[in-house]
C-alpha atoms as a PDB file:
ATOM      1  CA  UNK A   1      -0.265  -7.858   9.977  1.00  0.00           C
ATOM      2  CA  UNK A   2       0.557  -8.543  13.594  1.00  0.00           C
ATOM      3  CA  UNK A   3       3.377  -6.264  14.631  1.00  0.00           C
ATOM      4  CA  UNK A   4       4.520  -8.489  17.497  1.00  0.00           C
ATOM      5  CA  UNK A   5       5.900 -11.126  15.110  1.00  0.00           C
ATOM      6  CA  UNK A   6       9.676 -11.336  15.015  1.00  0.00           C
ATOM      7  CA  UNK A   7      10.605 -10.560  11.372  1.00  0.00           C
ATOM      8  CA  UNK A   8      13.291 -13.259  11.495  1.00  0.00           C
ATOM      9  CA  UNK A   9      10.506 -15.818  11.903  1.00  0.00           C
ATOM     10  CA  UNK A  10       8.986 -14.772   8.564  1.00  0.00           C
ATOM     11  CA  UNK A  11      12.063 -15.697   6.523  1.00  0.00           C
ATOM     12  CA  UNK A  12      11.646 -19.060   4.834  1.00  0.00           C
ATOM     13  CA  UNK A  13       7.861 -19.111   5.135  1.00  0.00           C
ATOM     14  CA  UNK A  14       5.650 -19.682   2.108  1.00  0.00           C
ATOM     15  CA  UNK A  15       3.569 -16.832   0.699  1.00  0.00           C
ATOM     16  CA  UNK A  16       0.236 -17.033  -1.130  1.00  0.00           C
ATOM     17  CA  UNK A  17      -1.784 -14.515  -3.129  1.00  0.00           C
ATOM     18  CA  UNK A  18      -5.413 -13.498  -2.577  1.00  0.00           C
ATOM     19  CA  UNK A  19      -6.650 -16.593  -4.427  1.00  0.00           C
ATOM     20  CA  UNK A  20      -4.514 -19.038  -2.463  1.00  0.00           C
ATOM     21  CA  UNK A  21      -1.995 -19.456  -5.297  1.00  0.00           C
ATOM     22  CA  UNK A  22       1.544 -19.913  -4.071  1.00  0.00           C
ATOM     23  CA  UNK A  23       3.770 -16.895  -4.798  1.00  0.00           C
ATOM     24  CA  UNK A  24       7.008 -18.203  -3.347  1.00  0.00           C
ATOM     25  CA  UNK A  25       9.153 -18.098  -0.223  1.00  0.00           C
ATOM     26  CA  UNK A  26      10.042 -15.076   1.910  1.00  0.00           C
ATOM     27  CA  UNK A  27      13.748 -14.274   1.457  1.00  0.00           C
ATOM     28  CA  UNK A  28      14.057 -11.037   3.419  1.00  0.00           C
ATOM     29  CA  UNK A  29      12.028  -8.701   5.605  1.00  0.00           C
ATOM     30  CA  UNK A  30      12.522  -4.928   5.479  1.00  0.00           C
ATOM     31  CA  UNK A  31      11.845  -2.790   8.534  1.00  0.00           C
ATOM     32  CA  UNK A  32      10.444   0.722   8.699  1.00  0.00           C
ATOM     33  CA  UNK A  33      13.290   3.181   9.312  1.00  0.00           C
ATOM     34  CA  UNK A  34      11.332   5.207  11.864  1.00  0.00           C
ATOM     35  CA  UNK A  35       9.522   2.513  13.847  1.00  0.00           C
ATOM     36  CA  UNK A  36      11.548  -0.654  13.256  1.00  0.00           C
ATOM     37  CA  UNK A  37       8.319  -2.528  12.456  1.00  0.00           C
ATOM     38  CA  UNK A  38       8.302  -5.076   9.597  1.00  0.00           C
ATOM     39  CA  UNK A  39       7.058  -3.243   6.487  1.00  0.00           C
ATOM     40  CA  UNK A  40       8.013  -5.196   3.339  1.00  0.00           C
ATOM     41  CA  UNK A  41       8.774  -8.806   2.494  1.00  0.00           C
ATOM     42  CA  UNK A  42      10.926  -9.858  -0.450  1.00  0.00           C
ATOM     43  CA  UNK A  43       9.441 -13.060  -1.866  1.00  0.00           C
ATOM     44  CA  UNK A  44      11.421 -15.351  -4.171  1.00  0.00           C
ATOM     45  CA  UNK A  45       8.876 -15.968  -6.928  1.00  0.00           C
ATOM     46  CA  UNK A  46      10.554 -18.971  -8.567  1.00  0.00           C
ATOM     47  CA  UNK A  47      13.759 -20.922  -8.917  1.00  0.00           C
ATOM     48  CA  UNK A  48      15.285 -18.628 -11.571  1.00  0.00           C
ATOM     49  CA  UNK A  49      13.278 -15.483 -11.047  1.00  0.00           C
ATOM     50  CA  UNK A  50      13.687 -12.450  -8.873  1.00  0.00           C
ATOM     51  CA  UNK A  51      12.382 -11.389  -5.505  1.00  0.00           C
ATOM     52  CA  UNK A  52       9.183  -9.334  -5.469  1.00  0.00           C
ATOM     53  CA  UNK A  53       8.445  -6.855  -2.700  1.00  0.00           C
ATOM     54  CA  UNK A  54       5.055  -7.095  -0.997  1.00  0.00           C
ATOM     55  CA  UNK A  55       3.680  -4.859   1.753  1.00  0.00           C
ATOM     56  CA  UNK A  56       3.216  -6.611   5.076  1.00  0.00           C
ATOM     57  CA  UNK A  57       0.559  -4.256   6.456  1.00  0.00           C
ATOM     58  CA  UNK A  58      -2.488  -5.573   4.567  1.00  0.00           C
ATOM     59  CA  UNK A  59      -1.063  -9.126   4.596  1.00  0.00           C
ATOM     60  CA  UNK A  60      -1.870 -11.783   7.184  1.00  0.00           C
ATOM     61  CA  UNK A  61       0.106 -14.592   8.759  1.00  0.00           C
ATOM     62  CA  UNK A  62      -2.241 -17.593   8.846  1.00  0.00           C
ATOM     63  CA  UNK A  63      -1.101 -21.010  10.037  1.00  0.00           C
ATOM     64  CA  UNK A  64       2.533 -20.102   9.470  1.00  0.00           C
ATOM     65  CA  UNK A  65       2.094 -18.828   5.895  1.00  0.00           C
ATOM     66  CA  UNK A  66       1.870 -15.277   4.602  1.00  0.00           C
ATOM     67  CA  UNK A  67      -1.347 -14.423   2.744  1.00  0.00           C
ATOM     68  CA  UNK A  68      -1.010 -11.311   0.579  1.00  0.00           C
ATOM     69  CA  UNK A  69      -4.259  -9.625  -0.562  1.00  0.00           C
ATOM     70  CA  UNK A  70      -3.092  -9.079  -4.163  1.00  0.00           C
ATOM     71  CA  UNK A  71      -3.082 -11.123  -7.379  1.00  0.00           C
ATOM     72  CA  UNK A  72       0.066 -13.101  -8.154  1.00  0.00           C
ATOM     73  CA  UNK A  73       0.469 -11.267 -11.473  1.00  0.00           C
ATOM     74  CA  UNK A  74       0.470  -7.858  -9.745  1.00  0.00           C
ATOM     75  CA  UNK A  75       3.071  -9.096  -7.272  1.00  0.00           C
ATOM     76  CA  UNK A  76       5.327 -10.446 -10.017  1.00  0.00           C
ATOM     77  CA  UNK A  77       5.064  -7.089 -11.860  1.00  0.00           C
ATOM     78  CA  UNK A  78       6.153  -5.056  -8.810  1.00  0.00           C
ATOM     79  CA  UNK A  79       9.146  -2.737  -9.333  1.00  0.00           C
ATOM     80  CA  UNK A  80      12.421  -4.625  -8.963  1.00  0.00           C
ATOM     81  CA  UNK A  81      14.936  -2.912  -6.698  1.00  0.00           C
ATOM     82  CA  UNK A  82      17.056  -5.957  -5.918  1.00  0.00           C
ATOM     83  CA  UNK A  83      17.384  -7.418  -2.449  1.00  0.00           C
ATOM     84  CA  UNK A  84      19.966  -6.948   0.222  1.00  0.00           C
ATOM     85  CA  UNK A  85      19.918  -3.163  -0.014  1.00  0.00           C
ATOM     86  CA  UNK A  86      18.023  -0.474   1.810  1.00  0.00           C
ATOM     87  CA  UNK A  87      14.783   0.705   0.181  1.00  0.00           C
ATOM     88  CA  UNK A  88      14.815   4.472  -0.308  1.00  0.00           C
ATOM     89  CA  UNK A  89      11.695   6.511   0.473  1.00  0.00           C
ATOM     90  CA  UNK A  90      11.216   7.018  -3.286  1.00  0.00           C
ATOM     91  CA  UNK A  91      11.351   3.257  -3.922  1.00  0.00           C
ATOM     92  CA  UNK A  92       8.863   2.618  -1.128  1.00  0.00           C
ATOM     93  CA  UNK A  93       6.545   5.229  -2.617  1.00  0.00           C
ATOM     94  CA  UNK A  94       6.756   3.489  -6.011  1.00  0.00           C
ATOM     95  CA  UNK A  95       5.831   0.187  -4.346  1.00  0.00           C
ATOM     96  CA  UNK A  96       2.900   1.716  -2.460  1.00  0.00           C
ATOM     97  CA  UNK A  97       1.592   3.219  -5.711  1.00  0.00           C
ATOM     98  CA  UNK A  98       2.086  -0.089  -7.544  1.00  0.00           C
ATOM     99  CA  UNK A  99      -0.158  -1.824  -5.013  1.00  0.00           C
ATOM    100  CA  UNK A 100      -2.672   1.027  -4.978  1.00  0.00           C
ATOM    101  CA  UNK A 101      -2.100   1.727  -1.314  1.00  0.00           C
ATOM    102  CA  UNK A 102      -2.719   5.190   0.048  1.00  0.00           C
ATOM    103  CA  UNK A 103       0.293   6.906   1.490  1.00  0.00           C
ATOM    104  CA  UNK A 104      -0.850   9.837   3.543  1.00  0.00           C
ATOM    105  CA  UNK A 105       1.035  13.096   3.585  1.00  0.00           C
ATOM    106  CA  UNK A 106       2.760  13.927   6.849  1.00  0.00           C
ATOM    107  CA  UNK A 107       0.578  15.902   9.245  1.00  0.00           C
ATOM    108  CA  UNK A 108       0.829  19.669   8.859  1.00  0.00           C
ATOM    109  CA  UNK A 109       2.906  21.599  11.329  1.00  0.00           C
ATOM    110  CA  UNK A 110       0.863  23.275  14.029  1.00  0.00           C
ATOM    111  CA  UNK A 111       0.044  26.909  13.358  1.00  0.00           C
ATOM    112  CA  UNK A 112       2.175  28.657  15.953  1.00  0.00           C
ATOM    113  CA  UNK A 113       3.686  32.040  16.460  1.00  0.00           C
ATOM    114  CA  UNK A 114       7.416  31.460  16.737  1.00  0.00           C
ATOM    115  CA  UNK A 115       8.137  35.035  17.789  1.00  0.00           C
ATOM    116  CA  UNK A 116       9.320  38.107  16.006  1.00  0.00           C
ATOM    117  CA  UNK A 117      11.583  37.993  13.011  1.00  0.00           C
ATOM    118  CA  UNK A 118      14.999  39.532  13.515  1.00  0.00           C
ATOM    119  CA  UNK A 119      15.050  43.194  12.560  1.00  0.00           C
ATOM    120  CA  UNK A 120      11.266  43.483  12.499  1.00  0.00           C
ATOM    121  CA  UNK A 121       9.792  46.067  14.830  1.00  0.00           C
ATOM    122  CA  UNK A 122       6.624  45.351  16.727  1.00  0.00           C
ATOM    123  CA  UNK A 123       3.735  47.651  15.750  1.00  0.00           C
ATOM    124  CA  UNK A 124       1.072  48.417  18.332  1.00  0.00           C
END
């Protein structure tokens, strides 16, 4: 999704699944802790039902509505963590797995020599 969109402008917009079926209305937008970029949207899926989290990255904003590339049933079955609270890294990982999205491991640390260990003599 476009990263230059103000997340506050997403709240209240309608959301649709991959088939064009209406999912609901965006209640909240969750930002990435490290970058501050919009990462998740909580979508109210019905008058008496809960909010479902959807990833914003593979989604698109088209003509003022959010189009999510997943089936409505998959979205409604997403793990429920409640809204209004911070998503933990573990909860985000559960959501990524639910949607079948790859979450890459952090890059390995560079292979560097950080010097001698204390008490270790240098052998030549």
